[in-house]
Amino acid sequence: KGVTDAEKYTIGFALPKDYNISIKDQLEIESRY
């Protein structure tokens, strides 16, 4: 669960597509990479 139970992996350092998060918080997390 949460590791190999999907059709494909997330892109690189991206957060999972179905994860509910604000745009600002997503940018703050992913921008570091």
Full PDB file with SEQRES, HELIX, SHEET, SSBOND, CRYST1, ORIGX, SCALE, CONECT and MASTER records, all heavy atoms in Angstrom:
SEQRES   1 A   33  LYS GLY VAL THR ASP ALA GLU LYS TYR THR ILE GLY PHE          
SEQRES   2 A   33  ALA LEU PRO LYS ASP TYR ASN ILE SER ILE LYS ASP GLN          
SEQRES   3 A   33  LEU GLU ILE GLU SER ARG TYR                                  
HELIX    1 AA1 ILE A   23  SER A   31  1                                   9    
CRYST1    1.000    1.000    1.000  90.00  90.00  90.00 P 1           1          
ORIGX1      1.000000  0.000000  0.000000        0.00000                         
ORIGX2      0.000000  1.000000  0.000000        0.00000                         
ORIGX3      0.000000  0.000000  1.000000        0.00000                         
SCALE1      1.000000  0.000000  0.000000        0.00000                         
SCALE2      0.000000  1.000000  0.000000        0.00000                         
SCALE3      0.000000  0.000000  1.000000        0.00000                         
ATOM      1  N   LYS A   1       0.825  -1.203   0.000  1.00  0.00           N  
ATOM      2  CA  LYS A   1       0.000   0.000   0.000  1.00  0.00           C  
ATOM      3  C   LYS A   1       0.866   1.263   0.000  1.00  0.00           C  
ATOM      4  O   LYS A   1       1.758   1.412   0.829  1.00  0.00           O  
ATOM      5  CB  LYS A   1      -0.926   0.013   1.210  1.00  0.00           C  
ATOM      6  CG  LYS A   1      -1.917   1.170   1.192  1.00  0.00           C  
ATOM      7  CD  LYS A   1      -2.878   1.092   2.369  1.00  0.00           C  
ATOM      8  CE  LYS A   1      -3.872   2.247   2.321  1.00  0.00           C  
ATOM      9  NZ  LYS A   1      -4.815   2.203   3.461  1.00  0.00           N  
ATOM     10  N   GLY A   2       0.572   2.135  -0.960  1.00  0.00           N  
ATOM     11  CA  GLY A   2       1.292   3.396  -1.049  1.00  0.00           C  
ATOM     12  C   GLY A   2       2.656   3.290  -1.689  1.00  0.00           C  
ATOM     13  O   GLY A   2       3.344   4.285  -1.847  1.00  0.00           O  
ATOM     14  N   VAL A   3       3.050   2.059  -2.053  1.00  0.00           N  
ATOM     15  CA  VAL A   3       4.380   1.860  -2.623  1.00  0.00           C  
ATOM     16  C   VAL A   3       4.286   1.219  -4.014  1.00  0.00           C  
ATOM     17  O   VAL A   3       4.698   1.806  -5.013  1.00  0.00           O  
ATOM     18  CB  VAL A   3       5.269   0.998  -1.706  1.00  0.00           C  
ATOM     19  CG1 VAL A   3       6.675   0.857  -2.300  1.00  0.00           C  
ATOM     20  CG2 VAL A   3       5.350   1.604  -0.313  1.00  0.00           C  
ATOM     21  N   THR A   4       3.702   0.015  -4.068  1.00  0.00           N  
ATOM     22  CA  THR A   4       3.627  -0.684  -5.359  1.00  0.00           C  
ATOM     23  C   THR A   4       2.196  -1.088  -5.705  1.00  0.00           C  
ATOM     24  O   THR A   4       1.974  -2.071  -6.411  1.00  0.00           O  
ATOM     25  CB  THR A   4       4.513  -1.939  -5.349  1.00  0.00           C  
ATOM     26  OG1 THR A   4       4.126  -2.769  -4.243  1.00  0.00           O  
ATOM     27  CG2 THR A   4       5.974  -1.584  -5.246  1.00  0.00           C  
ATOM     28  N   ASP A   5       1.222  -0.342  -5.205  1.00  0.00           N  
ATOM     29  CA  ASP A   5      -0.175  -0.699  -5.458  1.00  0.00           C  
ATOM     30  C   ASP A   5      -0.827   0.174  -6.526  1.00  0.00           C  
ATOM     31  O   ASP A   5      -2.046   0.147  -6.698  1.00  0.00           O  
ATOM     32  CB  ASP A   5      -0.988  -0.632  -4.163  1.00  0.00           C  
ATOM     33  CG  ASP A   5      -0.963   0.750  -3.523  1.00  0.00           C  
ATOM     34  OD1 ASP A   5      -0.105   1.574  -3.920  1.00  0.00           O  
ATOM     35  OD2 ASP A   5      -1.794   1.008  -2.640  1.00  0.00           O  
ATOM     36  N   ALA A   6      -0.033   0.957  -7.254  1.00  0.00           N  
ATOM     37  CA  ALA A   6      -0.566   1.811  -8.320  1.00  0.00           C  
ATOM     38  C   ALA A   6      -0.110   1.290  -9.678  1.00  0.00           C  
ATOM     39  O   ALA A   6       0.625   0.306  -9.773  1.00  0.00           O  
ATOM     40  CB  ALA A   6      -0.102   3.256  -8.114  1.00  0.00           C  
ATOM     41  N   GLU A   7      -0.535   1.961 -10.737  1.00  0.00           N  
ATOM     42  CA  GLU A   7      -0.141   1.564 -12.088  1.00  0.00           C  
ATOM     43  C   GLU A   7       1.273   2.029 -12.421  1.00  0.00           C  
ATOM     44  O   GLU A   7       1.964   1.419 -13.232  1.00  0.00           O  
ATOM     45  CB  GLU A   7      -1.128   2.129 -13.114  1.00  0.00           C  
ATOM     46  CG  GLU A   7      -2.517   1.513 -13.045  1.00  0.00           C  
ATOM     47  CD  GLU A   7      -2.485   0.009 -13.276  1.00  0.00           C  
ATOM     48  OE1 GLU A   7      -1.810  -0.427 -14.229  1.00  0.00           O  
ATOM     49  OE2 GLU A   7      -3.118  -0.732 -12.499  1.00  0.00           O  
ATOM     50  N   LYS A   8       1.699   3.120 -11.803  1.00  0.00           N  
ATOM     51  CA  LYS A   8       3.021   3.653 -12.078  1.00  0.00           C  
ATOM     52  C   LYS A   8       3.505   4.475 -10.892  1.00  0.00           C  
ATOM     53  O   LYS A   8       2.717   4.881 -10.031  1.00  0.00           O  
ATOM     54  CB  LYS A   8       3.005   4.519 -13.337  1.00  0.00           C  
ATOM     55  CG  LYS A   8       2.010   5.671 -13.291  1.00  0.00           C  
ATOM     56  CD  LYS A   8       1.954   6.386 -14.637  1.00  0.00           C  
ATOM     57  CE  LYS A   8       0.928   7.521 -14.602  1.00  0.00           C  
ATOM     58  NZ  LYS A   8       0.825   8.200 -15.911  1.00  0.00           N  
ATOM     59  N   TYR A   9       4.800   4.706 -10.846  1.00  0.00           N  
ATOM     60  CA  TYR A   9       5.378   5.531  -9.789  1.00  0.00           C  
ATOM     61  C   TYR A   9       5.073   7.006 -10.036  1.00  0.00           C  
ATOM     62  O   TYR A   9       4.729   7.405 -11.151  1.00  0.00           O  
ATOM     63  CB  TYR A   9       6.895   5.334  -9.725  1.00  0.00           C  
ATOM     64  CG  TYR A   9       7.322   4.056  -9.047  1.00  0.00           C  
ATOM     65  CD1 TYR A   9       7.959   3.037  -9.757  1.00  0.00           C  
ATOM     66  CD2 TYR A   9       7.093   3.864  -7.692  1.00  0.00           C  
ATOM     67  CE1 TYR A   9       8.356   1.861  -9.138  1.00  0.00           C  
ATOM     68  CE2 TYR A   9       7.488   2.696  -7.063  1.00  0.00           C  
ATOM     69  CZ  TYR A   9       8.116   1.702  -7.785  1.00  0.00           C  
ATOM     70  OH  TYR A   9       8.491   0.543  -7.157  1.00  0.00           O  
ATOM     71  N   THR A  10       5.215   7.801  -8.984  1.00  0.00           N  
ATOM     72  CA  THR A  10       5.115   9.246  -9.176  1.00  0.00           C  
ATOM     73  C   THR A  10       6.342   9.735  -9.938  1.00  0.00           C  
ATOM     74  O   THR A  10       7.407   9.114  -9.917  1.00  0.00           O  
ATOM     75  CB  THR A  10       5.038   9.991  -7.832  1.00  0.00           C  
ATOM     76  OG1 THR A  10       6.161   9.624  -7.029  1.00  0.00           O  
ATOM     77  CG2 THR A  10       3.763   9.662  -7.099  1.00  0.00           C  
ATOM     78  N   ILE A  11       6.188  10.857 -10.598  1.00  0.00           N  
ATOM     79  CA  ILE A  11       7.284  11.454 -11.351  1.00  0.00           C  
ATOM     80  C   ILE A  11       8.327  11.990 -10.370  1.00  0.00           C  
ATOM     81  O   ILE A  11       8.014  12.805  -9.506  1.00  0.00           O  
ATOM     82  CB  ILE A  11       6.777  12.605 -12.230  1.00  0.00           C  
ATOM     83  CG1 ILE A  11       5.835  12.070 -13.304  1.00  0.00           C  
ATOM     84  CG2 ILE A  11       7.936  13.367 -12.858  1.00  0.00           C  
ATOM     85  CD1 ILE A  11       5.121  13.157 -14.080  1.00  0.00           C  
ATOM     86  N   GLY A  12       9.563  11.532 -10.501  1.00  0.00           N  
ATOM     87  CA  GLY A  12      10.680  12.089  -9.734  1.00  0.00           C  
ATOM     88  C   GLY A  12      10.365  12.361  -8.280  1.00  0.00           C  
ATOM     89  O   GLY A  12      10.056  11.464  -7.499  1.00  0.00           O  
ATOM     90  N   PHE A  13      10.435  13.649  -7.924  1.00  0.00           N  
ATOM     91  CA  PHE A  13      10.204  14.074  -6.538  1.00  0.00           C  
ATOM     92  C   PHE A  13       8.782  14.571  -6.309  1.00  0.00           C  
ATOM     93  O   PHE A  13       8.467  15.121  -5.248  1.00  0.00           O  
ATOM     94  CB  PHE A  13      11.193  15.182  -6.147  1.00  0.00           C  
ATOM     95  CG  PHE A  13      11.212  16.348  -7.111  1.00  0.00           C  
ATOM     96  CD1 PHE A  13      10.166  17.250  -7.186  1.00  0.00           C  
ATOM     97  CD2 PHE A  13      12.292  16.525  -7.957  1.00  0.00           C  
ATOM     98  CE1 PHE A  13      10.193  18.320  -8.062  1.00  0.00           C  
ATOM     99  CE2 PHE A  13      12.338  17.588  -8.843  1.00  0.00           C  
ATOM    100  CZ  PHE A  13      11.276  18.487  -8.893  1.00  0.00           C  
ATOM    101  N   ALA A  14       7.897  14.400  -7.284  1.00  0.00           N  
ATOM    102  CA  ALA A  14       6.543  14.926  -7.176  1.00  0.00           C  
ATOM    103  C   ALA A  14       5.767  14.265  -6.040  1.00  0.00           C  
ATOM    104  O   ALA A  14       6.008  13.110  -5.688  1.00  0.00           O  
ATOM    105  CB  ALA A  14       5.792  14.725  -8.488  1.00  0.00           C  
ATOM    106  N   LEU A  15       4.827  15.010  -5.493  1.00  0.00           N  
ATOM    107  CA  LEU A  15       3.895  14.436  -4.535  1.00  0.00           C  
ATOM    108  C   LEU A  15       2.865  13.598  -5.285  1.00  0.00           C  
ATOM    109  O   LEU A  15       2.583  13.863  -6.458  1.00  0.00           O  
ATOM    110  CB  LEU A  15       3.184  15.553  -3.758  1.00  0.00           C  
ATOM    111  CG  LEU A  15       4.078  16.394  -2.844  1.00  0.00           C  
ATOM    112  CD1 LEU A  15       3.307  17.604  -2.333  1.00  0.00           C  
ATOM    113  CD2 LEU A  15       4.608  15.569  -1.691  1.00  0.00           C  
ATOM    114  N   PRO A  16       2.288  12.582  -4.653  1.00  0.00           N  
ATOM    115  CA  PRO A  16       1.258  11.773  -5.323  1.00  0.00           C  
ATOM    116  C   PRO A  16       0.120  12.642  -5.847  1.00  0.00           C  
ATOM    117  O   PRO A  16      -0.303  13.596  -5.182  1.00  0.00           O  
ATOM    118  CB  PRO A  16       0.782  10.830  -4.221  1.00  0.00           C  
ATOM    119  CG  PRO A  16       1.944  10.721  -3.293  1.00  0.00           C  
ATOM    120  CD  PRO A  16       2.586  12.077  -3.296  1.00  0.00           C  
ATOM    121  N   LYS A  17      -0.410  12.304  -7.018  1.00  0.00           N  
ATOM    122  CA  LYS A  17      -1.440  13.122  -7.657  1.00  0.00           C  
ATOM    123  C   LYS A  17      -2.711  13.215  -6.825  1.00  0.00           C  
ATOM    124  O   LYS A  17      -3.413  14.226  -6.866  1.00  0.00           O  
ATOM    125  CB  LYS A  17      -1.769  12.556  -9.045  1.00  0.00           C  
ATOM    126  CG  LYS A  17      -0.672  12.754 -10.067  1.00  0.00           C  
ATOM    127  CD  LYS A  17      -1.068  12.218 -11.414  1.00  0.00           C  
ATOM    128  CE  LYS A  17      -2.214  13.006 -12.016  1.00  0.00           C  
ATOM    129  NZ  LYS A  17      -2.545  12.557 -13.393  1.00  0.00           N  
ATOM    130  N   ASP A  18      -3.028  12.167  -6.078  1.00  0.00           N  
ATOM    131  CA  ASP A  18      -4.268  12.161  -5.314  1.00  0.00           C  
ATOM    132  C   ASP A  18      -4.104  12.742  -3.907  1.00  0.00           C  
ATOM    133  O   ASP A  18      -5.038  12.704  -3.100  1.00  0.00           O  
ATOM    134  CB  ASP A  18      -4.840  10.744  -5.220  1.00  0.00           C  
ATOM    135  CG  ASP A  18      -3.865   9.768  -4.550  1.00  0.00           C  
ATOM    136  OD1 ASP A  18      -2.708  10.168  -4.272  1.00  0.00           O  
ATOM    137  OD2 ASP A  18      -4.256   8.607  -4.319  1.00  0.00           O  
ATOM    138  N   TYR A  19      -2.930  13.284  -3.618  1.00  0.00           N  
ATOM    139  CA  TYR A  19      -2.706  13.847  -2.283  1.00  0.00           C  
ATOM    140  C   TYR A  19      -3.268  15.261  -2.236  1.00  0.00           C  
ATOM    141  O   TYR A  19      -2.935  16.115  -3.056  1.00  0.00           O  
ATOM    142  CB  TYR A  19      -1.218  13.858  -1.956  1.00  0.00           C  
ATOM    143  CG  TYR A  19      -0.901  14.407  -0.587  1.00  0.00           C  
ATOM    144  CD1 TYR A  19      -1.391  13.776   0.559  1.00  0.00           C  
ATOM    145  CD2 TYR A  19      -0.118  15.545  -0.427  1.00  0.00           C  
ATOM    146  CE1 TYR A  19      -1.116  14.269   1.820  1.00  0.00           C  
ATOM    147  CE2 TYR A  19       0.177  16.042   0.828  1.00  0.00           C  
ATOM    148  CZ  TYR A  19      -0.337  15.403   1.952  1.00  0.00           C  
ATOM    149  OH  TYR A  19      -0.057  15.896   3.204  1.00  0.00           O  
ATOM    150  N   ASN A  20      -4.136  15.522  -1.268  1.00  0.00           N  
ATOM    151  CA  ASN A  20      -4.806  16.818  -1.144  1.00  0.00           C  
ATOM    152  C   ASN A  20      -3.906  17.807  -0.410  1.00  0.00           C  
ATOM    153  O   ASN A  20      -3.609  17.626   0.768  1.00  0.00           O  
ATOM    154  CB  ASN A  20      -6.133  16.648  -0.392  1.00  0.00           C  
ATOM    155  CG  ASN A  20      -6.960  17.928  -0.398  1.00  0.00           C  
ATOM    156  OD1 ASN A  20      -6.745  18.811  -1.230  1.00  0.00           O  
ATOM    157  ND2 ASN A  20      -7.903  18.016   0.514  1.00  0.00           N  
ATOM    158  N   ILE A  21      -3.473  18.833  -1.123  1.00  0.00           N  
ATOM    159  CA  ILE A  21      -2.560  19.819  -0.551  1.00  0.00           C  
ATOM    160  C   ILE A  21      -2.749  21.149  -1.271  1.00  0.00           C  
ATOM    161  O   ILE A  21      -3.135  21.170  -2.450  1.00  0.00           O  
ATOM    162  CB  ILE A  21      -1.092  19.338  -0.684  1.00  0.00           C  
ATOM    163  CG1 ILE A  21      -0.148  20.235   0.116  1.00  0.00           C  
ATOM    164  CG2 ILE A  21      -0.676  19.224  -2.133  1.00  0.00           C  
ATOM    165  CD1 ILE A  21       1.280  19.708   0.186  1.00  0.00           C  
ATOM    166  N   SER A  22      -2.517  22.247  -0.574  1.00  0.00           N  
ATOM    167  CA  SER A  22      -2.654  23.557  -1.217  1.00  0.00           C  
ATOM    168  C   SER A  22      -1.531  23.762  -2.223  1.00  0.00           C  
ATOM    169  O   SER A  22      -0.459  23.146  -2.126  1.00  0.00           O  
ATOM    170  CB  SER A  22      -2.614  24.665  -0.158  1.00  0.00           C  
ATOM    171  OG  SER A  22      -1.300  24.806   0.366  1.00  0.00           O  
ATOM    172  N   ILE A  23      -1.787  24.637  -3.186  1.00  0.00           N  
ATOM    173  CA  ILE A  23      -0.777  24.926  -4.205  1.00  0.00           C  
ATOM    174  C   ILE A  23       0.487  25.473  -3.560  1.00  0.00           C  
ATOM    175  O   ILE A  23       1.606  25.079  -3.897  1.00  0.00           O  
ATOM    176  CB  ILE A  23      -1.330  25.917  -5.243  1.00  0.00           C  
ATOM    177  CG1 ILE A  23      -2.439  25.259  -6.063  1.00  0.00           C  
ATOM    178  CG2 ILE A  23      -0.225  26.436  -6.155  1.00  0.00           C  
ATOM    179  CD1 ILE A  23      -3.136  26.199  -7.022  1.00  0.00           C  
ATOM    180  N   LYS A  24       0.321  26.375  -2.607  1.00  0.00           N  
ATOM    181  CA  LYS A  24       1.477  26.986  -1.950  1.00  0.00           C  
ATOM    182  C   LYS A  24       2.319  25.950  -1.222  1.00  0.00           C  
ATOM    183  O   LYS A  24       3.556  25.952  -1.321  1.00  0.00           O  
ATOM    184  CB  LYS A  24       1.022  28.073  -0.978  1.00  0.00           C  
ATOM    185  CG  LYS A  24       2.178  28.841  -0.338  1.00  0.00           C  
ATOM    186  CD  LYS A  24       1.672  29.984   0.529  1.00  0.00           C  
ATOM    187  CE  LYS A  24       2.843  30.747   1.140  1.00  0.00           C  
ATOM    188  NZ  LYS A  24       2.379  31.879   1.995  1.00  0.00           N  
ATOM    189  N   ASP A  25       1.658  25.053  -0.508  1.00  0.00           N  
ATOM    190  CA  ASP A  25       2.394  24.026   0.230  1.00  0.00           C  
ATOM    191  C   ASP A  25       3.092  23.058  -0.721  1.00  0.00           C  
ATOM    192  O   ASP A  25       4.223  22.618  -0.466  1.00  0.00           O  
ATOM    193  CB  ASP A  25       1.453  23.256   1.155  1.00  0.00           C  
ATOM    194  CG  ASP A  25       1.012  24.087   2.357  1.00  0.00           C  
ATOM    195  OD1 ASP A  25       1.658  25.118   2.637  1.00  0.00           O  
ATOM    196  OD2 ASP A  25       0.012  23.712   3.000  1.00  0.00           O  
ATOM    197  N   GLN A  26       2.423  22.711  -1.822  1.00  0.00           N  
ATOM    198  CA  GLN A  26       3.052  21.829  -2.802  1.00  0.00           C  
ATOM    199  C   GLN A  26       4.310  22.464  -3.385  1.00  0.00           C  
ATOM    200  O   GLN A  26       5.353  21.814  -3.504  1.00  0.00           O  
ATOM    201  CB  GLN A  26       2.080  21.498  -3.937  1.00  0.00           C  
ATOM    202  CG  GLN A  26       2.704  20.583  -4.999  1.00  0.00           C  
ATOM    203  CD  GLN A  26       1.801  20.360  -6.203  1.00  0.00           C  
ATOM    204  OE1 GLN A  26       0.610  20.675  -6.166  1.00  0.00           O  
ATOM    205  NE2 GLN A  26       2.362  19.833  -7.278  1.00  0.00           N  
ATOM    206  N   LEU A  27       4.205  23.739  -3.728  1.00  0.00           N  
ATOM    207  CA  LEU A  27       5.355  24.435  -4.304  1.00  0.00           C  
ATOM    208  C   LEU A  27       6.492  24.542  -3.295  1.00  0.00           C  
ATOM    209  O   LEU A  27       7.666  24.407  -3.646  1.00  0.00           O  
ATOM    210  CB  LEU A  27       4.948  25.826  -4.793  1.00  0.00           C  
ATOM    211  CG  LEU A  27       4.034  25.870  -6.019  1.00  0.00           C  
ATOM    212  CD1 LEU A  27       3.570  27.295  -6.288  1.00  0.00           C  
ATOM    213  CD2 LEU A  27       4.758  25.319  -7.241  1.00  0.00           C  
ATOM    214  N   GLU A  28       6.145  24.802  -2.041  1.00  0.00           N  
ATOM    215  CA  GLU A  28       7.173  24.917  -1.006  1.00  0.00           C  
ATOM    216  C   GLU A  28       7.946  23.610  -0.857  1.00  0.00           C  
ATOM    217  O   GLU A  28       9.175  23.605  -0.707  1.00  0.00           O  
ATOM    218  CB  GLU A  28       6.536  25.303   0.322  1.00  0.00           C  
ATOM    219  CG  GLU A  28       7.557  25.528   1.428  1.00  0.00           C  
ATOM    220  CD  GLU A  28       6.934  26.043   2.706  1.00  0.00           C  
ATOM    221  OE1 GLU A  28       5.690  26.105   2.794  1.00  0.00           O  
ATOM    222  OE2 GLU A  28       7.693  26.377   3.627  1.00  0.00           O  
ATOM    223  N   ILE A  29       7.224  22.477  -0.933  1.00  0.00           N  
ATOM    224  CA  ILE A  29       7.867  21.167  -0.779  1.00  0.00           C  
ATOM    225  C   ILE A  29       8.692  20.815  -2.012  1.00  0.00           C  
ATOM    226  O   ILE A  29       9.871  20.452  -1.916  1.00  0.00           O  
ATOM    227  CB  ILE A  29       6.806  20.083  -0.516  1.00  0.00           C  
ATOM    228  CG1 ILE A  29       6.183  20.279   0.871  1.00  0.00           C  
ATOM    229  CG2 ILE A  29       7.424  18.682  -0.624  1.00  0.00           C  
ATOM    230  CD1 ILE A  29       4.951  19.437   1.115  1.00  0.00           C  
ATOM    231  N   GLU A  30       8.103  20.907  -3.192  1.00  0.00           N  
ATOM    232  CA  GLU A  30       8.762  20.435  -4.407  1.00  0.00           C  
ATOM    233  C   GLU A  30       9.862  21.376  -4.887  1.00  0.00           C  
ATOM    234  O   GLU A  30      10.817  20.937  -5.534  1.00  0.00           O  
ATOM    235  CB  GLU A  30       7.726  20.222  -5.513  1.00  0.00           C  
ATOM    236  CG  GLU A  30       6.760  19.090  -5.216  1.00  0.00           C  
ATOM    237  CD  GLU A  30       5.859  18.751  -6.386  1.00  0.00           C  
ATOM    238  OE1 GLU A  30       6.126  19.221  -7.513  1.00  0.00           O  
ATOM    239  OE2 GLU A  30       4.864  18.022  -6.185  1.00  0.00           O  
ATOM    240  N   SER A  31       9.745  22.669  -4.579  1.00  0.00           N  
ATOM    241  CA  SER A  31      10.746  23.638  -5.072  1.00  0.00           C  
ATOM    242  C   SER A  31      12.142  23.335  -4.541  1.00  0.00           C  
ATOM    243  O   SER A  31      13.146  23.635  -5.201  1.00  0.00           O  
ATOM    244  CB  SER A  31      10.352  25.056  -4.675  1.00  0.00           C  
ATOM    245  OG  SER A  31      10.361  25.212  -3.254  1.00  0.00           O  
ATOM    246  N   ARG A  32      12.221  22.713  -3.366  1.00  0.00           N  
ATOM    247  CA  ARG A  32      13.525  22.422  -2.765  1.00  0.00           C  
ATOM    248  C   ARG A  32      14.349  21.466  -3.629  1.00  0.00           C  
ATOM    249  O   ARG A  32      15.583  21.449  -3.553  1.00  0.00           O  
ATOM    250  CB  ARG A  32      13.330  21.801  -1.371  1.00  0.00           C  
ATOM    251  CG  ARG A  32      12.559  22.675  -0.387  1.00  0.00           C  
ATOM    252  CD  ARG A  32      13.431  23.796   0.156  1.00  0.00           C  
ATOM    253  NE  ARG A  32      14.609  23.288   0.817  1.00  0.00           N  
ATOM    254  CZ  ARG A  32      14.635  22.855   2.074  1.00  0.00           C  
ATOM    255  NH1 ARG A  32      13.519  22.833   2.789  1.00  0.00           N  
ATOM    256  NH2 ARG A  32      15.761  22.436   2.618  1.00  0.00           N  
ATOM    257  N   TYR A  33      13.665  20.677  -4.461  1.00  0.00           N  
ATOM    258  CA  TYR A  33      14.349  19.675  -5.286  1.00  0.00           C  
ATOM    259  C   TYR A  33      14.783  20.226  -6.641  1.00  0.00           C  
ATOM    260  O   TYR A  33      15.625  19.619  -7.303  1.00  0.00           O  
ATOM    261  CB  TYR A  33      13.448  18.458  -5.482  1.00  0.00           C  
ATOM    262  CG  TYR A  33      13.083  17.764  -4.201  1.00  0.00           C  
ATOM    263  CD1 TYR A  33      11.936  18.100  -3.490  1.00  0.00           C  
ATOM    264  CD2 TYR A  33      13.907  16.772  -3.663  1.00  0.00           C  
ATOM    265  CE1 TYR A  33      11.602  17.479  -2.299  1.00  0.00           C  
ATOM    266  CE2 TYR A  33      13.585  16.143  -2.471  1.00  0.00           C  
ATOM    267  CZ  TYR A  33      12.429  16.503  -1.789  1.00  0.00           C  
ATOM    268  OH  TYR A  33      12.123  15.880  -0.608  1.00  0.00           O  
TER     269      TYR A  33                                                      
MASTER        0    0    0    1    0    0    0    6  268    1    0    3          
END                                                                             
